[in-house]
Amino acid sequence: MTGRDNNLAAGSHASGRQATPQQVVGALFVDLEGIRARYECLRSGCTQRVEGPVHGATDVQAFVASIRTSHRCTGALR
């Protein structure tokens, strides 16, 4: 392992900056053919945990492009 590889393994960006801890708050599932997709919110207390599924290439493309901003969650981060 090179020095750069050691830094990346220790949680640094390739640019050398320290990585900022992130929390996963949702999961987007798209099948391999790109004809079905759904979003699952992982925040506790969310009143609309699942968005979708949507079917069809055009609908999937629009869903993937907009779900991040269109999902409205009232739940709290865990």
Protein backbone atom coordinates (compact mmCIF):
# COMPACT_ATOMS: atom_id res chain seq x y z
CA MET A 1 0.00 0.00 0.00
CA THR A 2 1.29 3.45 -0.84
CA GLY A 3 1.09 6.45 1.49
CA ARG A 4 -1.87 7.77 -0.48
CA ASP A 5 -3.68 4.42 -0.13
CA ASN A 6 -3.07 4.51 3.62
CA ASN A 7 -4.59 8.00 3.82
CA LEU A 8 -7.66 6.94 1.85
CA ALA A 9 -8.10 3.86 4.01
CA ALA A 10 -7.87 6.05 7.11
CA GLY A 11 -10.72 8.29 5.91
CA SER A 12 -9.09 11.05 3.88
CA HIS A 13 -10.23 12.37 0.53
CA ALA A 14 -7.92 11.90 -2.44
CA SER A 15 -7.29 15.64 -2.16
CA GLY A 16 -5.75 15.09 1.28
CA ARG A 17 -8.64 16.69 3.21
CA GLN A 18 -10.09 14.79 6.16
CA ALA A 19 -13.36 13.01 5.33
CA THR A 20 -16.50 14.40 6.95
CA PRO A 21 -18.70 11.76 8.64
CA GLN A 22 -21.97 11.26 6.77
CA GLN A 23 -25.24 9.63 7.76
CA VAL A 24 -27.29 7.56 5.34
CA VAL A 25 -30.90 8.76 5.44
CA GLY A 26 -32.38 6.95 2.45
CA ALA A 27 -31.85 4.28 -0.15
CA LEU A 28 -32.63 4.49 -3.86
CA PHE A 29 -33.20 1.16 -5.60
CA VAL A 30 -33.10 0.94 -9.40
CA ASP A 31 -33.14 -2.41 -11.20
CA LEU A 32 -30.38 -3.25 -13.67
CA GLU A 33 -32.59 -2.68 -16.70
CA GLY A 34 -33.59 0.77 -15.42
CA ILE A 35 -37.31 0.05 -15.68
CA ARG A 36 -38.25 0.04 -11.97
CA ALA A 37 -37.22 2.27 -9.06
CA ARG A 38 -38.23 3.02 -5.48
CA TYR A 39 -36.90 5.13 -2.62
CA GLU A 40 -36.93 4.12 1.06
CA CYS A 41 -36.48 6.74 3.77
CA LEU A 42 -34.45 5.47 6.74
CA ARG A 43 -35.25 8.28 9.17
CA SER A 44 -37.18 7.17 12.24
CA GLY A 45 -40.71 8.52 12.38
CA CYS A 46 -40.99 9.23 8.66
CA THR A 47 -44.65 9.19 7.66
CA GLN A 48 -43.91 8.23 4.05
CA ARG A 49 -41.11 5.66 4.26
CA VAL A 50 -41.46 4.37 0.67
CA GLU A 51 -41.78 6.42 -2.51
CA GLY A 52 -42.63 4.54 -5.68
CA PRO A 53 -42.23 2.09 -7.17
CA VAL A 54 -42.28 3.66 -10.60
CA HIS A 55 -42.16 1.66 -13.82
CA GLY A 56 -40.91 2.43 -17.31
CA ALA A 57 -37.63 3.95 -18.46
CA THR A 58 -38.96 7.51 -18.80
CA ASP A 59 -40.69 7.50 -15.40
CA VAL A 60 -37.63 5.95 -13.71
CA GLN A 61 -35.34 8.59 -15.18
CA ALA A 62 -37.59 11.41 -13.93
CA PHE A 63 -37.99 9.74 -10.50
CA VAL A 64 -34.23 9.32 -10.01
CA ALA A 65 -33.60 12.92 -11.06
CA SER A 66 -36.15 14.38 -8.63
CA ILE A 67 -36.56 12.11 -5.59
CA ARG A 68 -33.78 13.72 -3.57
CA THR A 69 -35.53 17.09 -3.56
CA SER A 70 -39.15 15.93 -3.76
CA HIS A 71 -39.20 13.53 -0.76
CA ARG A 72 -40.57 15.34 2.28
CA CYS A 73 -39.71 13.64 5.55
CA THR A 74 -41.03 14.69 8.94
CA GLY A 75 -38.91 12.09 10.77
CA ALA A 76 -35.80 12.72 12.82
CA LEU A 77 -32.27 11.57 12.10
CA ARG A 78 -31.28 8.55 14.12
